[in-house]
Amino acid sequence: MCMPGTASPNMDRAEYEESLKVFWIFSNVLSTAERKGRAEERVEGERETNLRNAKNLKALGVDVKAISKVTGLAKKEIDGL
């Protein structure tokens, strides 16, 4: 058998179309996984940024309630910094 999505001289039309279908499903699964991974990385990066900013604001004496409002972090998290 050849790579999905490619034809061989001995392959009939139905086999070829099935291999294309398998290829596109595989391609879509990979694309979805890549997008999900990038989204998760972005969320984690935003959280790290918010934690760093909260720590800096706390060190400057900014009110915890205001830090929570700006960063979206829970007051408990900010108290623990």
Protein backbone atom coordinates (compact mmCIF):
# COMPACT_ATOMS: atom_id res chain seq x y z
CA MET A 1 0.00 0.00 0.00
CA CYS A 2 1.18 3.54 -0.68
CA MET A 3 0.98 6.71 1.40
CA PRO A 4 -2.56 7.95 2.08
CA GLY A 5 -3.63 10.51 -0.48
CA THR A 6 -1.41 9.14 -3.25
CA ALA A 7 -2.33 6.78 -6.05
CA SER A 8 -0.45 3.68 -7.16
CA PRO A 9 -0.73 1.96 -10.54
CA ASN A 10 -2.58 -1.02 -8.98
CA MET A 11 -5.05 1.05 -6.97
CA ASP A 12 -8.67 1.28 -8.10
CA ARG A 13 -10.72 4.46 -7.77
CA ALA A 14 -12.52 3.40 -4.56
CA GLU A 15 -9.23 2.55 -2.81
CA TYR A 16 -7.77 5.87 -3.93
CA GLU A 17 -10.77 7.84 -2.65
CA GLU A 18 -10.67 5.95 0.66
CA SER A 19 -6.95 6.73 1.03
CA LEU A 20 -7.72 10.41 0.37
CA LYS A 21 -10.44 10.33 3.00
CA VAL A 22 -8.05 8.80 5.55
CA PHE A 23 -5.39 11.35 4.66
CA TRP A 24 -7.75 14.33 5.15
CA ILE A 25 -9.11 12.99 8.42
CA PHE A 26 -5.55 12.52 9.70
CA SER A 27 -4.60 15.99 8.50
CA ASN A 28 -7.63 17.56 10.22
CA VAL A 29 -6.90 15.74 13.48
CA LEU A 30 -3.32 17.05 13.47
CA SER A 31 -4.42 20.60 12.68
CA THR A 32 -6.97 20.54 15.48
CA ALA A 33 -4.40 19.22 17.96
CA GLU A 34 -1.92 21.92 16.94
CA ARG A 35 -4.52 24.68 17.36
CA LYS A 36 -5.54 23.30 20.75
CA GLY A 37 -1.91 23.14 21.88
CA ARG A 38 -1.28 26.73 20.82
CA ALA A 39 -4.43 27.91 22.61
CA GLU A 40 -3.37 26.12 25.80
CA GLU A 41 0.10 27.68 25.58
CA ARG A 42 -1.46 31.12 25.10
CA VAL A 43 -3.72 30.67 28.16
CA GLU A 44 -0.78 29.51 30.27
CA GLY A 45 1.31 32.45 29.08
CA GLU A 46 -1.45 34.90 29.98
CA ARG A 47 -1.74 33.36 33.43
CA GLU A 48 2.00 33.64 34.02
CA THR A 49 1.89 37.28 32.91
CA ASN A 50 -1.03 37.99 35.27
CA LEU A 51 0.79 36.33 38.17
CA ARG A 52 3.95 38.32 37.47
CA ASN A 53 2.00 41.57 37.20
CA ALA A 54 0.06 40.82 40.39
CA LYS A 55 3.30 40.15 42.26
CA ASN A 56 4.79 43.43 41.04
CA LEU A 57 1.64 45.41 41.85
CA LYS A 58 1.49 43.84 45.30
CA ALA A 59 5.13 44.80 45.91
CA LEU A 60 4.20 48.38 45.00
CA GLY A 61 1.47 48.34 47.63
CA VAL A 62 -1.52 48.28 45.29
CA ASP A 63 -4.74 47.07 46.94
CA VAL A 64 -5.37 43.33 46.50
CA LYS A 65 -8.96 44.00 45.39
CA ALA A 66 -7.71 46.28 42.59
CA ILE A 67 -5.05 43.74 41.55
CA SER A 68 -7.71 41.04 41.41
CA LYS A 69 -9.95 43.21 39.26
CA VAL A 70 -7.15 44.05 36.82
CA THR A 71 -5.58 40.58 36.52
CA GLY A 72 -8.64 38.38 36.98
CA LEU A 73 -6.82 36.40 39.66
CA ALA A 74 -8.52 35.35 42.88
CA LYS A 75 -7.67 37.34 45.99
CA LYS A 76 -6.41 34.10 47.62
CA GLU A 77 -3.90 33.65 44.79
CA ILE A 78 -2.68 37.21 45.15
CA ASP A 79 -2.37 36.87 48.94
CA GLY A 80 -0.14 33.83 48.34
CA LEU A 81 2.34 35.74 46.20
